[in-house]
Structures are given as structure tokens and as C-alpha cells.
Amino acid sequence: MPVSLQFQNLLDNLKRLMNTLHLDKQIILKKNEDHRVVGGHPWVFSNEVQEIKGTPTIGDVVELRAASGLSLGIGFFNPHSLIAFRMLSRTVEEIDYGFFQRRIAAALDLRKVLYPNGESFRLVHGESDFLPGLVIDKFNEYLSIQTFAYGMDTRLPIICDVLESLLHPRGIVERNESSLRTLERLEQKKGILRGTAAPTIISEHGLQYRVDPLEGQKTGFFLDQRENRFVIRRFAKSASVLDCFCNDGGFALNAAAAEAQSVTGIDISEDAVTRARHNAQLNRCDTVQFEQLDVFDKLENCAANNVQFDVIVLDPPSFAKNRKTVPAAKRGYKDLHTRAFRILRKGGILLSASCSHHIDPDVFLSLVDESAHNAGRSLQLLEWRGAAPDHPALPTISETQYLKLGVFRAF
């Protein structure tokens, strides 16, 4: 028998053996509740569980089985969370250093393809990189980690060991301040896990940004809008630009780089405006001014004084933190867009984003369109975009397709 065929037979036998193995700790699904998981979704909700065997505790690795007894994979268990099970592997295997080394190395290989000369990117994007509840951002020689699953949080030492082996970072910090952690019974905290932490200067499309891994937004900087920030350059030359919810000034600075006539950035956060001004100085952008103001008030004031802009960016924080807040979020989006359309010149460009997965694309588009009609405007949709490719999405999980950005032309 040829060696290659022998090797294939060995692999097939190993796969059959793995499918017959099982863990002592198991959760059994209710009848007919396995379709979504079999179809690729990595979560099991608490109301889908029929039986728990072997007394697993929070954060344990358990085996998932259908009501028929079929093994569906292994994952983290949390009896106190709405998401009772998060899939780690479709076969039974050890969740050890080797497991994390393989998964993180695969994620790193993808980023090297996406950004071959890049030193700053999202290294791990949770479920989309088959590491549920784990987010890792790389800013030059520093790594910033968030964990949203109890089982992942307890394995942070192993994860840090792997990261040190693969990347040899100067420092690893955790930015575990998200309220989502309370759903997993995890405390909020931040600090240095390994090495040291200090501000660093990252480069994006020829622009520089100061990133403080311990003090910036979320993990330190919003990398998901990387490609979208560059899009504004197509429309900004010789234009008057208003960047609302400007944060670190990314859209505003890209507009200035495209030789906009004037650029104004607005944010209610004093810290955000301070960061944006520092980044403007860093890039010697003297056509940009940043103001600490409420965006809604700014838009209303511009309308009252007949001030108009050629390009407006709306990149607000999430208006819908959960499903209960969706009705209020819809009202907020309509109010925001209606005000923006009233000060956008005829033929002007609106870049509008939503980062809430509770507002799906069709709903967001309809909200923008309805707001345009409320302001007596008609729209063309020029581009429809999502997050940068280092934030991959899974077709089976709408939550991973959270970021939406439309480029509209208004008449």
C-alpha cells in the first residue's frame, strides 16, 4: 500500500476514534435543538439544554451531545449565562497549550496575508477565529486582550504563554472593562498581564495615531474602521467636512490628508478630543479643528445658523446595547440622521455607521432613508461596507457582522 494511502487511512481511523471518545462532563440538547449547531452556529442557549451530566462547573470544558446521543463537539460551559455553551472544537480534543497555539498561529497567518507589512491589527476576533470570547489587538509591540467567556478568562495564563512564544511582545495588557462580562459572572478589570505597557505610535494609511493600550477606547483604538476611514479620501478633496463622534480623529485626519478645504471633528468626550488634537499635531494637520460638544446640539446649531457641509460622517457609539433598547435606538438614529441631512449640501456625501448588531442592515438602511425623506432629501447608496478584514464574520452568526457603514449621496 502506498505511503500516502496508509497515512490517509491512519487519519480516517483517528477521526473515527475521536468521534467515539467522550468527556465525562456533558450537556444534552433537547430534541430538535441541534439543527442550529449542526449548521455551524457555535452557541447553545440555556433554554435549549435538556440534561447536564457529570456536574460540570462554570468555565469547564464539556462535551455537547444531541438528544440522539450524537457528539457535536466540545466547548466552555457556563450554567449562569444565557449562552450556556460556546463551541471550541467539533471533535473531542485537549484544550491545552497546543490547542491555543494552533488557533492563534492560524489567526496570525491570516493577518500576515491581510497586512503583510502591518504591525497593528486585530489578531483574534472571538468566535470568528474559532476562539469564543477572546479578542486580541496588536499595537506594534504591545498586545491588548479582552475575554468575554468565563472559560477563556481562566485560561489567560496559557494564552499569554502562547502569545509570548509566537510574537515576543514587549507587553500584554487586559482591557476587561466591558459590562458584557457581568453576564458571565466576570468582574471588570484592566492591567498589565505580562511585561510593560506604554503609549505607542501606530501607522494606518500613511497617518500616525498615538495609542495607549491601557487608557484608550476599548482595547486602545478602533481598528475595525480602518478601511472605512480611508474611503472618505475619495470625497474630501476641497470639501468642507464634519466628523461627528470623531473619537481619535480618524475620519477627520483622512479627510485632511485628501486636502479637504476645512475639517471639523466633534465629540462630547474631553479625552477623545484631547487624543484627536494630539493626533492632528502628530500628522501636522492644520486644517482640522476639534471641538468638545454634544453632536445633536452641534447639528441643531448649524441648522439654525444655515451652516452646511459637503461631507458629514456619523460614527456614533452603539445606540442599542440589547434588544430592549432597540426602539429607543431607532428613534435616536432617525433624529440624528434627520438633523444631519438638514445641513448636508445638495449632492453632498454622508458616511454613516452603526456598530450595534441589534440593528440589522435592512433596518439601518430603512432608518437612514426615512430620515432623508423627513428632511426632504433623496438618497443614492454608493457603497455598503462592514468591518476591516481582520475582523472576520461568520455567516452563521449575525452578531459577528455588527459593523455597518453606508456611503450615501443626498439630493
Protein backbone atom coordinates (compact mmCIF):
# COMPACT_ATOMS: atom_id res chain seq x y z
CA MET A 1 0.00 0.00 0.00
CA PRO A 2 1.43 3.44 -0.93
CA VAL A 3 2.65 5.55 1.99
CA SER A 4 0.23 8.37 1.16
CA LEU A 5 -2.73 5.96 1.28
CA GLN A 6 -1.51 4.47 4.57
CA PHE A 7 -1.31 7.97 6.01
CA GLN A 8 -4.84 8.80 4.85
CA ASN A 9 -6.20 5.58 6.37
CA LEU A 10 -4.47 6.47 9.63
CA LEU A 11 -6.12 9.89 9.61
CA ASP A 12 -9.53 8.39 8.89
CA ASN A 13 -9.17 5.90 11.73
CA LEU A 14 -8.08 8.68 14.05
CA LYS A 15 -11.14 10.76 13.14
CA ARG A 16 -13.43 7.78 13.79
CA LEU A 17 -11.72 7.20 17.14
CA MET A 18 -12.09 10.87 18.13
CA ASN A 19 -15.80 10.75 17.35
CA THR A 20 -16.26 7.80 19.70
CA LEU A 21 -14.42 9.44 22.58
CA HIS A 22 -16.35 11.48 25.08
CA LEU A 23 -15.89 13.58 28.17
CA ASP A 24 -17.42 12.67 31.49
CA LYS A 25 -18.94 16.16 31.65
CA GLN A 26 -21.68 16.57 29.07
CA ILE A 27 -24.68 18.69 28.22
CA ILE A 28 -27.51 17.07 26.28
CA LEU A 29 -29.69 19.14 23.99
CA LYS A 30 -33.44 18.96 23.86
CA LYS A 31 -34.95 17.08 20.95
CA ASN A 32 -34.72 19.00 17.65
CA GLU A 33 -32.49 21.70 19.19
CA ASP A 34 -29.34 20.55 17.39
CA HIS A 35 -30.09 21.98 13.92
CA ARG A 36 -28.52 25.39 14.52
CA VAL A 37 -25.33 23.91 15.99
CA VAL A 38 -25.04 21.31 13.23
CA GLY A 39 -25.45 24.17 10.75
CA GLY A 40 -22.38 25.89 12.15
CA HIS A 41 -23.54 28.13 14.98
CA PRO A 42 -21.14 27.88 17.96
CA TRP A 43 -23.55 28.77 20.80
CA VAL A 44 -26.11 26.84 22.81
CA PHE A 45 -28.58 28.83 24.87
CA SER A 46 -29.66 27.73 28.34
CA ASN A 47 -33.26 27.05 27.26
CA GLU A 48 -32.01 24.53 24.68
CA VAL A 49 -30.41 22.23 27.27
CA GLN A 50 -32.28 19.09 28.32
CA GLU A 51 -29.79 17.49 30.71
CA ILE A 52 -26.39 18.08 32.32
CA LYS A 53 -24.18 15.12 33.19
CA GLY A 54 -21.08 14.87 35.35
CA THR A 55 -21.62 18.04 37.46
CA PRO A 56 -19.52 20.48 35.39
CA THR A 57 -18.78 23.85 36.96
CA ILE A 58 -18.52 27.30 35.43
CA GLY A 59 -15.72 27.53 32.86
CA ASP A 60 -15.29 23.77 32.44
CA VAL A 61 -14.84 22.16 29.04
CA VAL A 62 -17.81 19.89 28.36
CA GLU A 63 -18.98 17.72 25.50
CA LEU A 64 -22.13 18.70 23.63
CA ARG A 65 -24.47 15.90 22.54
CA ALA A 66 -27.70 15.87 20.62
CA ALA A 67 -30.77 14.20 22.10
CA SER A 68 -29.93 11.19 19.91
CA GLY A 69 -26.55 10.84 21.62
CA LEU A 70 -24.54 12.15 18.66
CA SER A 71 -21.42 14.02 19.74
CA LEU A 72 -21.45 17.59 18.37
CA GLY A 73 -18.20 18.90 19.85
CA ILE A 74 -16.70 20.38 22.99
CA GLY A 75 -16.78 23.86 24.47
CA PHE A 76 -16.94 26.11 27.51
CA PHE A 77 -19.84 25.65 29.93
CA ASN A 78 -21.46 28.39 31.98
CA PRO A 79 -24.60 27.46 33.95
CA HIS A 80 -25.22 31.11 34.88
CA SER A 81 -25.17 32.62 31.39
CA LEU A 82 -27.82 32.80 28.69
CA ILE A 83 -25.10 31.34 26.44
CA ALA A 84 -24.64 28.06 28.27
CA PHE A 85 -22.15 26.56 25.81
CA ARG A 86 -19.54 28.07 23.45
CA MET A 87 -18.09 25.71 20.86
CA LEU A 88 -14.32 25.21 20.86
CA SER A 89 -13.95 22.17 18.62
CA ARG A 90 -16.22 19.90 16.60
CA THR A 91 -14.21 16.90 17.82
CA VAL A 92 -13.05 15.89 21.29
CA GLU A 93 -9.53 17.18 21.92
CA GLU A 94 -7.43 18.61 24.71
CA ILE A 95 -7.93 22.35 25.28
CA ASP A 96 -4.32 22.95 26.23
CA TYR A 97 -1.30 24.99 25.16
CA GLY A 98 -1.16 23.15 21.83
CA PHE A 99 -4.80 23.96 21.08
CA PHE A 100 -4.33 27.68 21.66
CA GLN A 101 -1.01 27.69 19.81
CA ARG A 102 -2.64 26.22 16.70
CA ARG A 103 -5.64 28.54 16.74
CA ILE A 104 -3.70 31.75 17.43
CA ALA A 105 -1.00 30.84 14.89
CA ALA A 106 -3.71 30.31 12.25
CA ALA A 107 -5.21 33.70 13.09
CA LEU A 108 -1.77 35.32 12.84
CA ASP A 109 -1.15 33.72 9.45
CA LEU A 110 -4.34 35.31 8.12
CA ARG A 111 -3.33 38.78 9.37
CA LYS A 112 0.07 38.43 7.70
CA VAL A 113 -1.77 37.87 4.42
CA LEU A 114 -4.14 40.79 5.02
CA TYR A 115 -1.48 43.24 6.23
CA PRO A 116 1.92 41.84 5.19
CA ASN A 117 3.76 44.95 6.37
CA GLY A 118 1.43 45.81 9.23
CA GLU A 119 2.35 45.86 12.88
CA SER A 120 -1.09 46.80 14.20
CA PHE A 121 -4.23 44.73 13.65
CA ARG A 122 -6.85 42.61 15.36
CA LEU A 123 -5.09 39.32 15.91
CA VAL A 124 -8.04 37.32 17.28
CA HIS A 125 -11.69 38.18 16.73
CA GLY A 126 -13.51 35.80 19.05
CA GLU A 127 -15.87 33.27 17.53
CA SER A 128 -14.85 34.34 14.03
CA ASP A 129 -11.35 33.00 14.72
CA PHE A 130 -12.80 29.93 16.49
CA LEU A 131 -11.70 31.22 19.91
CA PRO A 132 -15.03 32.16 21.52
CA GLY A 133 -14.99 35.04 23.95
CA LEU A 134 -11.41 36.10 23.14
CA VAL A 135 -10.33 39.36 21.47
CA ILE A 136 -6.68 40.30 20.96
CA ASP A 137 -5.47 43.52 19.33
CA LYS A 138 -1.85 44.10 18.37
CA PHE A 139 -0.40 47.61 18.52
CA ASN A 140 3.22 47.32 17.42
CA GLU A 141 4.99 45.51 20.27
CA TYR A 142 2.00 45.56 22.62
CA LEU A 143 -0.98 43.21 22.84
CA SER A 144 -4.35 44.11 24.32
CA ILE A 145 -6.72 41.32 25.40
CA GLN A 146 -10.43 41.14 26.19
CA THR A 147 -12.18 37.99 27.43
CA PHE A 148 -15.97 37.61 27.42
CA ALA A 149 -16.28 33.92 28.36
CA TYR A 150 -15.57 32.56 31.83
CA GLY A 151 -13.69 29.57 30.49
CA MET A 152 -11.49 31.76 28.31
CA ASP A 153 -10.79 34.16 31.18
CA THR A 154 -9.48 31.37 33.42
CA ARG A 155 -7.08 30.30 30.67
CA LEU A 156 -5.43 33.69 30.25
CA PRO A 157 -2.06 32.42 31.58
CA ILE A 158 -1.89 29.77 28.82
CA ILE A 159 -2.96 32.32 26.20
CA CYS A 160 -0.24 34.73 27.35
CA ASP A 161 2.34 31.92 27.18
CA VAL A 162 1.35 31.26 23.56
CA LEU A 163 1.44 34.95 22.64
CA GLU A 164 4.91 35.36 24.13
CA SER A 165 6.12 32.34 22.18
CA LEU A 166 4.66 33.49 18.85
CA LEU A 167 5.15 37.27 18.99
CA HIS A 168 7.59 38.10 21.83
CA PRO A 169 5.65 41.26 22.76
CA ARG A 170 7.03 43.99 24.95
CA GLY A 171 3.83 43.88 26.96
CA ILE A 172 0.41 42.25 27.24
CA VAL A 173 -2.47 44.11 28.89
CA GLU A 174 -6.05 43.17 29.63
CA ARG A 175 -8.87 45.64 28.96
CA ASN A 176 -11.67 43.71 30.62
CA GLU A 177 -13.91 46.65 31.45
CA SER A 178 -16.91 45.63 29.35
CA SER A 179 -20.30 45.29 31.01
CA LEU A 180 -20.79 42.12 28.92
CA ARG A 181 -18.52 40.33 31.39
CA THR A 182 -21.18 40.58 34.09
CA LEU A 183 -23.34 38.24 32.02
CA GLU A 184 -20.64 35.59 32.56
CA ARG A 185 -20.14 36.49 36.26
CA LEU A 186 -16.77 38.03 35.50
CA GLU A 187 -15.52 41.18 37.20
CA GLN A 188 -14.40 44.23 35.26
CA LYS A 189 -10.70 44.94 35.42
CA LYS A 190 -7.71 46.22 33.49
CA GLY A 191 -3.98 45.96 33.97
CA ILE A 192 -0.68 44.57 32.79
CA LEU A 193 -0.57 40.78 32.40
CA ARG A 194 2.99 40.44 31.10
CA GLY A 195 5.90 42.83 30.55
CA THR A 196 5.25 46.57 30.48
CA ALA A 197 2.76 48.98 28.93
CA ALA A 198 3.35 52.37 27.34
CA PRO A 199 1.82 54.55 24.60
CA THR A 200 2.94 53.68 21.09
CA ILE A 201 2.58 55.29 17.66
CA ILE A 202 0.81 53.15 15.07
CA SER A 203 0.61 53.80 11.32
CA GLU A 204 -2.53 53.50 9.17
CA HIS A 205 -2.74 54.57 5.53
CA GLY A 206 0.20 56.93 5.97
CA LEU A 207 -1.26 58.55 9.10
CA GLN A 208 0.01 58.16 12.63
CA TYR A 209 -2.01 57.68 15.80
CA ARG A 210 -0.93 57.61 19.41
CA VAL A 211 -2.36 54.52 21.11
CA ASP A 212 -2.30 53.95 24.85
CA PRO A 213 -3.13 50.25 25.41
CA LEU A 214 -4.19 50.90 29.00
CA GLU A 215 -6.18 54.11 28.56
CA GLY A 216 -7.63 54.29 25.03
CA GLN A 217 -11.13 53.23 23.97
CA LYS A 218 -11.96 49.52 24.32
CA THR A 219 -8.65 47.75 23.60
CA GLY A 220 -6.92 51.05 22.87
CA PHE A 221 -8.08 52.01 19.37
CA PHE A 222 -10.92 51.18 16.97
CA LEU A 223 -9.24 49.06 14.31
CA ASP A 224 -12.50 47.87 12.75
CA GLN A 225 -12.99 51.16 10.85
CA ARG A 226 -9.50 51.02 9.31
CA GLU A 227 -10.63 50.59 5.70
CA ASN A 228 -13.71 52.78 6.09
CA ARG A 229 -11.67 55.73 7.33
CA PHE A 230 -9.70 55.65 4.09
CA VAL A 231 -12.88 55.76 1.97
CA ILE A 232 -13.55 59.38 2.92
CA ARG A 233 -10.49 60.49 0.93
CA ARG A 234 -12.38 59.84 -2.31
CA PHE A 235 -14.90 62.57 -1.46
CA ALA A 236 -12.99 65.02 0.73
CA LYS A 237 -10.77 66.98 -1.67
CA SER A 238 -11.63 70.71 -1.44
CA ALA A 239 -14.71 69.83 0.66
CA SER A 240 -15.98 71.12 3.99
CA VAL A 241 -16.14 68.09 6.28
CA LEU A 242 -17.90 67.48 9.60
CA ASP A 243 -16.79 64.37 11.54
CA CYS A 244 -19.36 63.58 14.26
CA PHE A 245 -18.42 61.36 17.20
CA CYS A 246 -14.85 61.80 15.98
CA ASN A 247 -13.12 59.86 18.80
CA ASP A 248 -9.39 59.74 17.94
CA GLY A 249 -9.98 61.76 14.77
CA GLY A 250 -9.53 59.01 12.19
CA PHE A 251 -12.10 60.13 9.61
CA ALA A 252 -11.18 63.79 10.10
CA LEU A 253 -7.47 63.18 9.58
CA ASN A 254 -8.08 61.12 6.44
CA ALA A 255 -10.21 63.97 5.08
CA ALA A 256 -7.39 66.40 5.82
CA ALA A 257 -4.91 64.06 4.10
CA ALA A 258 -7.12 64.26 0.99
CA GLU A 259 -6.77 68.05 1.02
CA ALA A 260 -10.20 68.96 2.37
CA GLN A 261 -10.86 72.69 2.48
CA SER A 262 -11.88 72.51 6.15
CA VAL A 263 -12.45 69.73 8.67
CA THR A 264 -14.29 69.89 12.00
CA GLY A 265 -14.38 67.00 14.44
CA ILE A 266 -16.98 66.83 17.22
CA ASP A 267 -17.06 64.60 20.31
CA ILE A 268 -18.65 65.03 23.73
CA SER A 269 -15.70 63.28 25.41
CA GLU A 270 -12.91 65.58 26.57
CA ASP A 271 -10.46 62.66 26.49
CA ALA A 272 -11.40 61.84 22.88
CA VAL A 273 -10.94 65.44 21.77
CA THR A 274 -7.57 65.58 23.53
CA ARG A 275 -6.46 62.42 21.71
CA ALA A 276 -7.73 63.73 18.37
CA ARG A 277 -5.90 67.02 18.77
CA HIS A 278 -2.69 65.19 19.63
CA ASN A 279 -3.06 63.03 16.51
CA ALA A 280 -3.62 66.14 14.39
CA GLN A 281 -0.38 67.62 15.72
CA LEU A 282 1.37 64.31 15.14
CA ASN A 283 0.37 64.44 11.46
CA ARG A 284 0.81 68.23 11.09
CA CYS A 285 -2.80 68.66 10.03
CA ASP A 286 -3.51 72.36 10.48
CA THR A 287 -6.80 72.32 8.53
CA VAL A 288 -8.52 70.28 11.26
CA GLN A 289 -10.19 71.62 14.37
CA PHE A 290 -11.72 69.50 17.12
CA GLU A 291 -14.47 70.67 19.46
CA GLN A 292 -15.85 69.13 22.65
CA LEU A 293 -19.59 69.38 22.02
CA ASP A 294 -22.75 67.30 22.01
CA VAL A 295 -23.24 66.19 18.38
CA PHE A 296 -27.02 66.68 18.45
CA ASP A 297 -26.57 70.23 19.72
CA LYS A 298 -23.91 70.94 17.08
CA LEU A 299 -26.17 69.76 14.25
CA GLU A 300 -29.08 71.81 15.55
CA ASN A 301 -26.90 74.90 15.91
CA CYS A 302 -25.58 74.54 12.35
CA ALA A 303 -29.12 74.26 11.01
CA ALA A 304 -30.21 77.36 12.94
CA ASN A 305 -27.30 79.34 11.51
CA ASN A 306 -27.57 77.94 7.96
CA VAL A 307 -24.13 76.30 8.16
CA GLN A 308 -23.75 73.46 5.67
CA PHE A 309 -21.14 70.82 4.84
CA ASP A 310 -20.13 68.89 1.74
CA VAL A 311 -19.31 65.70 3.66
CA ILE A 312 -20.66 64.52 7.02
CA VAL A 313 -19.53 61.47 8.99
CA LEU A 314 -21.80 59.85 11.59
CA ASP A 315 -19.97 57.18 13.59
CA PRO A 316 -21.79 57.08 16.94
CA PRO A 317 -21.31 54.61 19.78
CA SER A 318 -23.80 51.77 19.95
CA PHE A 319 -27.34 53.08 20.41
CA ALA A 320 -28.69 49.56 21.11
CA LYS A 321 -26.84 47.68 23.85
CA ASN A 322 -29.53 44.98 23.95
CA ARG A 323 -32.85 44.12 22.35
CA LYS A 324 -34.84 46.10 24.93
CA THR A 325 -33.15 49.32 23.80
CA VAL A 326 -33.80 48.80 20.06
CA PRO A 327 -36.96 51.01 19.90
CA ALA A 328 -35.13 53.90 21.59
CA ALA A 329 -32.11 53.32 19.35
CA LYS A 330 -34.25 53.57 16.23
CA ARG A 331 -35.63 56.89 17.40
CA GLY A 332 -32.11 58.09 18.12
CA TYR A 333 -30.82 57.09 14.68
CA LYS A 334 -33.74 58.82 12.93
CA ASP A 335 -33.27 62.01 14.93
CA LEU A 336 -29.51 62.04 14.31
CA HIS A 337 -29.79 61.45 10.56
CA THR A 338 -32.63 63.91 10.07
CA ARG A 339 -30.53 66.64 11.68
CA ALA A 340 -27.51 65.71 9.57
CA PHE A 341 -29.45 65.78 6.30
CA ARG A 342 -30.68 69.29 7.07
CA ILE A 343 -27.12 70.65 6.97
CA LEU A 344 -25.74 68.48 4.14
CA ARG A 345 -25.40 70.36 0.87
CA LYS A 346 -27.27 69.15 -2.22
CA GLY A 347 -25.15 66.44 -3.79
CA GLY A 348 -23.27 66.07 -0.50
CA ILE A 349 -21.87 62.84 0.90
CA LEU A 350 -22.91 61.15 4.15
CA LEU A 351 -20.84 58.34 5.67
CA SER A 352 -23.00 56.72 8.34
CA ALA A 353 -22.12 53.80 10.58
CA SER A 354 -23.83 51.60 13.15
CA CYS A 355 -21.86 49.28 15.41
CA SER A 356 -24.83 47.56 17.03
CA HIS A 357 -25.63 44.02 15.86
CA HIS A 358 -29.16 44.51 17.25
CA ILE A 359 -29.79 46.91 14.35
CA ASP A 360 -29.60 44.71 11.27
CA PRO A 361 -28.55 46.10 7.86
CA ASP A 362 -32.06 46.33 6.40
CA VAL A 363 -33.35 48.17 9.45
CA PHE A 364 -30.41 50.57 9.42
CA LEU A 365 -30.85 51.35 5.73
CA SER A 366 -34.57 51.98 6.20
CA LEU A 367 -33.86 54.31 9.14
CA VAL A 368 -31.41 56.36 7.08
CA ASP A 369 -33.81 56.50 4.12
CA GLU A 370 -36.76 57.51 6.29
CA SER A 371 -34.66 60.24 7.90
CA ALA A 372 -33.71 61.58 4.46
CA HIS A 373 -37.39 61.81 3.48
CA ASN A 374 -38.16 63.55 6.78
CA ALA A 375 -35.59 66.17 5.81
CA GLY A 376 -36.95 66.43 2.26
CA ARG A 377 -33.98 64.66 0.70
CA SER A 378 -33.50 61.79 -1.75
CA LEU A 379 -30.62 59.32 -1.49
CA GLN A 380 -28.22 57.29 -3.56
CA LEU A 381 -26.35 54.45 -1.83
CA LEU A 382 -22.81 54.50 -3.25
CA GLU A 383 -21.12 51.91 -1.03
CA TRP A 384 -22.12 49.43 1.67
CA ARG A 385 -19.27 48.31 3.91
CA GLY A 386 -18.50 46.32 7.05
CA ALA A 387 -15.57 45.93 9.41
CA ALA A 388 -11.96 45.60 8.26
CA PRO A 389 -10.99 42.05 7.18
CA ASP A 390 -9.01 41.43 10.36
CA HIS A 391 -12.48 41.42 11.98
CA PRO A 392 -13.86 38.44 10.00
CA ALA A 393 -17.51 37.43 10.27
CA LEU A 394 -19.15 34.02 10.35
CA PRO A 395 -22.14 33.60 8.02
CA THR A 396 -23.95 31.64 10.72
CA ILE A 397 -23.64 34.36 13.39
CA SER A 398 -25.25 37.71 12.70
CA GLU A 399 -23.56 39.12 15.82
CA THR A 400 -20.17 38.90 14.05
CA GLN A 401 -21.49 41.18 11.29
CA TYR A 402 -22.05 44.02 13.74
CA LEU A 403 -20.45 46.97 11.91
CA LYS A 404 -22.30 48.59 9.01
CA LEU A 405 -21.27 51.70 7.08
CA GLY A 406 -23.12 53.25 4.18
CA VAL A 407 -21.80 55.93 1.84
CA PHE A 408 -24.76 57.98 0.63
CA ARG A 409 -25.22 60.89 -1.75
CA ALA A 410 -28.10 63.22 -0.88
CA PHE A 411 -30.16 65.46 -3.16
